[in-house]
Amino acid sequence: QWKQLENLYFREKKFAVEVHDPRRISVSRRTFGQSGLVVQTWYANTSLIKSIWVMAISQHQFYLDRKQSKAKIPSARSLDDIAMDLTEMGTPKVSKLVTLEAKNQFIMASNGSLISSGSQDSEVSEEQKKEKIMELKKKEKLLQEKLLEKVEELKKICLREAELTGKMPKEYPLSAGEEPPQVRRRVGTAFKLDDNLLPSEEDPALQDLENNFIIQQKLVEAAKKLASEPDLCKNVKKKRKQDYADAVKKLQEIENSINEYRIKCGKKPTQKSTLTLPGKQEN
């Protein structure tokens, strides 16, 4: 029945009628279609399919017009009166429906539908469109939130790189008119060991102690730089000062071991740590 019609459409050589039948389980359902949607399909050459579709649209429009006119009729009429109206309405209605497709820019040569023809039954389609738009907006919102998260991650990575290199990478995302932030480069703690850190043939044991002293001395210098870095929170600053004090203590222990060994071998002791780190007692 026409009142159960959901849509009429054709695609190339296919003509389909979608009917809403609550007595049956849906065989083919569109994305936002209602339950109980049954699709009947026929196939033929393109010109015949197109003609059938135009005639089906015309029949449906005739049904809608008759339904609207019945609502305006105060009383029932005779069959003769109805036949007279059909005769008078036939010619203009056919000519109007034949040119319907040509006037509608949304109906292409290879496809068309009841919705695109401007039928009064397109209200159902408008509801479906609203639901589709709402879903797309939700997806758009989720994608925007995900994009913002990734942008924030990229900013953090760029800031860490700028702290190490002293230069903000060009990949840092900026909004229109936004200036890149000023980043202070972290205090460098890298150091280079002496090239003569090789075993000595004269006294390998003493040479090993000397090498340990030089390495520990570099570690003390690096720990001092970290401890003197400004703008540190209280806990971090306290921890770095303690690390520096531990490094100085270990350096002194190594020097004591060197002096003990030198005295044992009949050599004079040294005071390397006191000469190279005069400020160690501050910590």
Protein backbone atom coordinates (compact mmCIF):
# COMPACT_ATOMS: atom_id res chain seq x y z
CA GLN A 1 0.00 0.00 0.00
CA TRP A 2 1.12 3.53 -0.75
CA LYS A 3 0.88 4.55 2.91
CA GLN A 4 3.57 1.98 3.71
CA LEU A 5 5.96 3.26 1.03
CA GLU A 6 9.36 4.32 2.31
CA ASN A 7 11.21 5.10 -0.93
CA LEU A 8 11.35 4.53 -4.70
CA TYR A 9 14.69 4.67 -6.47
CA PHE A 10 16.71 3.38 -9.41
CA ARG A 11 20.45 2.91 -9.95
CA GLU A 12 21.57 2.13 -13.48
CA LYS A 13 19.71 -1.12 -14.30
CA LYS A 14 18.11 -1.61 -10.87
CA PHE A 15 14.68 -0.42 -9.69
CA ALA A 16 13.82 -0.81 -6.00
CA VAL A 17 10.80 -0.18 -3.79
CA GLU A 18 11.22 0.11 -0.04
CA VAL A 19 8.12 -0.64 2.01
CA HIS A 20 7.65 -0.42 5.76
CA ASP A 21 5.90 -3.60 6.80
CA PRO A 22 5.69 -4.07 10.61
CA ARG A 23 4.53 -7.69 10.13
CA ARG A 24 7.85 -8.75 8.65
CA ILE A 25 11.41 -8.70 9.89
CA SER A 26 13.66 -6.33 8.00
CA VAL A 27 15.43 -8.00 5.07
CA SER A 28 17.52 -5.02 4.03
CA ARG A 29 17.85 -2.01 6.27
CA ARG A 30 19.50 1.29 5.53
CA THR A 31 21.83 2.91 7.99
CA PHE A 32 19.11 4.91 9.73
CA GLY A 33 16.09 2.98 8.49
CA GLN A 34 13.28 1.76 10.67
CA SER A 35 12.67 -1.87 11.54
CA GLY A 36 10.42 -3.87 9.22
CA LEU A 37 11.80 -2.26 6.06
CA VAL A 38 11.34 -4.60 3.08
CA VAL A 39 13.05 -3.99 -0.26
CA GLN A 40 11.68 -5.31 -3.55
CA THR A 41 14.04 -5.12 -6.53
CA TRP A 42 13.68 -5.50 -10.32
CA TYR A 43 16.34 -5.39 -13.06
CA ALA A 44 16.14 -4.32 -16.72
CA ASN A 45 17.97 -2.05 -19.16
CA THR A 46 18.61 1.50 -17.99
CA SER A 47 16.01 3.26 -20.15
CA LEU A 48 13.23 0.89 -19.09
CA ILE A 49 14.18 1.11 -15.43
CA LYS A 50 14.16 4.89 -15.65
CA SER A 51 10.73 4.89 -17.26
CA ILE A 52 9.33 2.56 -14.62
CA TRP A 53 10.69 4.82 -11.90
CA VAL A 54 9.08 7.92 -13.47
CA MET A 55 5.73 6.10 -13.69
CA ALA A 56 6.01 4.90 -10.09
CA ILE A 57 6.72 8.43 -8.91
CA SER A 58 3.72 9.67 -10.89
CA GLN A 59 1.43 7.05 -9.37
CA HIS A 60 2.61 7.89 -5.88
CA GLN A 61 2.13 11.60 -6.43
CA PHE A 62 -1.37 10.90 -7.72
CA TYR A 63 -2.06 8.97 -4.50
CA LEU A 64 -0.84 11.90 -2.40
CA ASP A 65 -2.93 14.42 -4.36
CA ARG A 66 -6.07 12.28 -4.06
CA LYS A 67 -5.43 11.80 -0.35
CA GLN A 68 -5.14 15.55 0.12
CA SER A 69 -8.23 16.29 -1.94
CA LYS A 70 -10.30 13.72 -0.02
CA ALA A 71 -9.53 15.52 3.21
CA LYS A 72 -11.05 18.69 1.76
CA ILE A 73 -14.25 17.02 0.41
CA PRO A 74 -17.11 17.52 2.89
CA SER A 75 -19.15 14.58 1.61
CA ALA A 76 -18.75 11.48 -0.53
CA ARG A 77 -19.13 11.86 -4.29
CA SER A 78 -20.39 9.52 -6.93
CA LEU A 79 -18.16 7.43 -9.19
CA ASP A 80 -19.13 9.60 -12.16
CA ASP A 81 -17.86 12.73 -10.44
CA ILE A 82 -14.61 11.03 -9.58
CA ALA A 83 -14.21 9.81 -13.16
CA MET A 84 -14.82 13.34 -14.43
CA ASP A 85 -12.11 14.71 -12.12
CA LEU A 86 -9.67 12.03 -13.22
CA THR A 87 -10.29 12.88 -16.86
CA GLU A 88 -9.73 16.61 -16.27
CA MET A 89 -6.62 16.06 -14.15
CA GLY A 90 -5.03 13.38 -16.31
CA THR A 91 -3.41 15.42 -19.06
CA PRO A 92 -1.79 18.19 -17.02
CA LYS A 93 -0.72 15.71 -14.35
CA VAL A 94 1.05 13.45 -16.85
CA SER A 95 2.81 16.34 -18.57
CA LYS A 96 3.88 17.70 -15.19
CA LEU A 97 5.30 14.38 -14.02
CA VAL A 98 7.10 13.68 -17.30
CA THR A 99 9.05 16.93 -16.90
CA LEU A 100 9.58 16.35 -13.19
CA GLU A 101 12.95 14.71 -13.64
CA ALA A 102 14.26 17.38 -16.00
CA LYS A 103 13.38 20.17 -13.56
CA ASN A 104 14.98 18.54 -10.53
CA GLN A 105 18.75 19.04 -10.57
CA PHE A 106 19.31 16.26 -8.04
CA ILE A 107 18.02 13.49 -10.34
CA MET A 108 20.84 12.27 -12.54
CA ALA A 109 20.65 10.27 -15.75
CA SER A 110 21.67 7.03 -14.06
CA ASN A 111 19.90 7.25 -10.69
CA GLY A 112 17.00 8.79 -8.84
CA SER A 113 14.80 8.33 -5.81
CA LEU A 114 11.50 9.30 -4.28
CA ILE A 115 13.35 11.56 -1.86
CA SER A 116 15.19 13.44 -4.59
CA SER A 117 11.99 13.98 -6.57
CA GLY A 118 10.57 16.31 -3.90
CA SER A 119 7.73 14.06 -2.74
CA GLN A 120 5.70 14.88 0.35
CA ASP A 121 6.96 11.65 1.89
CA SER A 122 10.42 13.19 2.19
CA GLU A 123 9.64 14.15 5.81
CA VAL A 124 10.88 10.75 6.90
CA SER A 125 14.08 11.37 5.02
CA GLU A 126 14.55 14.73 6.74
CA GLU A 127 14.44 12.99 10.11
CA GLN A 128 17.04 10.52 8.91
CA LYS A 129 19.21 13.37 7.69
CA LYS A 130 18.99 15.05 11.11
CA GLU A 131 20.07 11.85 12.84
CA LYS A 132 22.94 11.46 10.39
CA ILE A 133 24.07 15.04 10.95
CA MET A 134 23.96 14.58 14.74
CA GLU A 135 26.11 11.46 14.50
CA LEU A 136 28.62 13.19 12.24
CA LYS A 137 28.85 16.10 14.66
CA LYS A 138 29.60 13.69 17.51
CA LYS A 139 32.34 12.05 15.45
CA GLU A 140 33.73 15.46 14.57
CA LYS A 141 33.84 16.42 18.25
CA LEU A 142 35.66 13.21 19.18
CA LEU A 143 38.20 13.74 16.38
CA GLN A 144 38.80 17.33 17.49
CA GLU A 145 39.41 16.20 21.08
CA LYS A 146 41.83 13.53 19.85
CA LEU A 147 43.63 16.09 17.70
CA LEU A 148 44.03 18.45 20.67
CA GLU A 149 45.55 15.62 22.72
CA LYS A 150 48.09 14.87 19.98
CA VAL A 151 48.93 18.57 19.60
CA GLU A 152 49.63 18.83 23.34
CA GLU A 153 51.88 15.76 23.16
CA LEU A 154 53.77 17.30 20.24
CA LYS A 155 54.24 20.54 22.19
CA LYS A 156 55.72 18.68 25.17
CA ILE A 157 58.15 16.79 22.92
CA CYS A 158 59.24 20.01 21.18
CA LEU A 159 59.75 21.75 24.53
CA ARG A 160 61.96 18.90 25.78
CA GLU A 161 64.00 19.08 22.58
CA ALA A 162 64.37 22.86 22.98
CA GLU A 163 65.61 22.42 26.56
CA LEU A 164 68.32 20.07 25.33
CA THR A 165 69.35 21.91 22.16
CA GLY A 166 68.52 25.51 23.08
CA LYS A 167 66.49 25.90 19.87
CA MET A 168 62.74 25.46 19.36
CA PRO A 169 62.07 22.94 16.55
CA LYS A 170 60.04 24.10 13.56
CA GLU A 171 57.50 21.33 14.20
CA TYR A 172 56.18 23.14 17.30
CA PRO A 173 52.45 23.82 16.59
CA LEU A 174 51.50 27.49 16.69
CA SER A 175 48.11 29.15 16.40
CA ALA A 176 47.54 32.14 14.14
CA GLY A 177 49.58 35.07 15.48
CA GLU A 178 51.10 33.00 18.32
CA GLU A 179 54.78 33.38 19.13
CA PRO A 180 56.89 30.34 20.08
CA PRO A 181 57.63 30.16 23.83
CA GLN A 182 61.04 31.08 25.16
CA VAL A 183 62.80 28.02 26.56
CA ARG A 184 65.95 28.11 28.66
CA ARG A 185 68.46 25.46 27.77
CA ARG A 186 69.33 23.06 30.56
CA VAL A 187 72.77 23.26 32.16
CA GLY A 188 75.10 20.90 30.35
CA THR A 189 76.64 18.08 32.35
CA ALA A 190 78.66 16.40 29.61
CA PHE A 191 82.40 16.10 30.06
CA LYS A 192 85.37 14.72 28.17
CA LEU A 193 87.94 12.44 29.74
CA ASP A 194 91.64 12.91 29.24
CA ASP A 195 93.26 11.00 26.42
CA ASN A 196 96.00 9.65 28.72
CA LEU A 197 93.66 7.43 30.74
CA LEU A 198 95.64 4.30 29.87
CA PRO A 199 97.36 1.74 32.11
CA SER A 200 100.88 2.75 33.05
CA GLU A 201 103.66 0.22 32.84
CA GLU A 202 105.47 1.85 35.79
CA ASP A 203 102.74 1.25 38.41
CA PRO A 204 99.40 -0.09 37.08
CA ALA A 205 97.75 -0.01 40.52
CA LEU A 206 98.57 3.66 41.07
CA GLN A 207 97.55 4.49 37.51
CA ASP A 208 94.19 2.81 38.10
CA LEU A 209 93.61 4.91 41.21
CA GLU A 210 94.58 8.05 39.31
CA ASN A 211 92.12 7.22 36.53
CA ASN A 212 89.32 6.66 39.04
CA PHE A 213 90.13 10.02 40.59
CA ILE A 214 89.91 11.83 37.23
CA ILE A 215 86.57 10.19 36.38
CA GLN A 216 85.12 10.98 39.81
CA GLN A 217 86.39 14.53 39.52
CA LYS A 218 84.36 14.98 36.32
CA LEU A 219 81.31 13.53 38.05
CA VAL A 220 81.72 16.03 40.88
CA GLU A 221 81.84 18.91 38.39
CA ALA A 222 78.68 17.67 36.68
CA ALA A 223 76.87 17.23 40.00
CA LYS A 224 77.86 20.76 41.01
CA LYS A 225 76.37 22.20 37.81
CA LEU A 226 73.11 20.39 38.42
CA ALA A 227 72.97 21.51 42.05
CA SER A 228 73.59 25.18 41.12
CA GLU A 229 70.90 25.27 38.42
CA PRO A 230 68.33 28.00 39.29
CA ASP A 231 64.51 27.75 39.39
CA LEU A 232 64.44 24.30 40.99
CA CYS A 233 61.77 23.15 43.39
CA LYS A 234 62.80 22.59 47.00
CA ASN A 235 62.86 18.78 46.89
CA VAL A 236 64.85 18.58 43.64
CA LYS A 237 67.37 21.16 44.82
CA LYS A 238 67.87 19.29 48.10
CA LYS A 239 68.35 15.99 46.26
CA ARG A 240 70.96 17.46 43.89
CA LYS A 241 72.89 19.05 46.73
CA GLN A 242 73.01 15.70 48.47
CA ASP A 243 74.23 14.02 45.28
CA TYR A 244 76.93 16.63 44.96
CA ALA A 245 78.02 16.10 48.58
CA ASP A 246 78.15 12.32 48.06
CA ALA A 247 80.25 12.77 44.90
CA VAL A 248 82.71 15.05 46.75
CA LYS A 249 82.95 12.55 49.60
CA LYS A 250 83.74 9.71 47.21
CA LEU A 251 86.35 11.87 45.46
CA GLN A 252 88.05 12.53 48.81
CA GLU A 253 88.00 8.81 49.59
CA ILE A 254 89.73 8.05 46.26
CA GLU A 255 92.36 10.72 46.96
CA ASN A 256 92.97 9.26 50.42
CA SER A 257 93.50 5.85 48.84
CA ILE A 258 95.97 7.37 46.38
CA ASN A 259 97.93 9.10 49.16
CA GLU A 260 98.03 5.94 51.26
CA TYR A 261 99.41 4.02 48.32
CA ARG A 262 101.95 6.75 47.51
CA ILE A 263 103.20 6.82 51.13
CA LYS A 264 103.44 3.04 51.08
CA CYS A 265 105.57 3.26 47.95
CA GLY A 266 107.73 5.99 49.49
CA LYS A 267 106.21 8.88 47.51
CA LYS A 268 104.80 12.21 48.68
CA PRO A 269 100.98 12.57 49.08
CA THR A 270 98.95 14.99 46.93
CA GLN A 271 96.06 17.37 47.53
CA LYS A 272 94.32 17.31 44.15
CA SER A 273 90.70 17.56 45.31
CA THR A 274 91.44 20.52 47.61
CA LEU A 275 93.17 22.41 44.80
CA THR A 276 90.64 21.66 42.07
CA LEU A 277 87.44 22.01 44.17
CA PRO A 278 87.98 24.85 46.65
CA GLY A 279 84.24 25.31 47.18
CA LYS A 280 83.40 21.74 48.09
CA GLN A 281 83.13 22.56 51.77
CA GLU A 282 80.10 24.80 51.02
CA ASN A 283 77.92 21.74 50.64
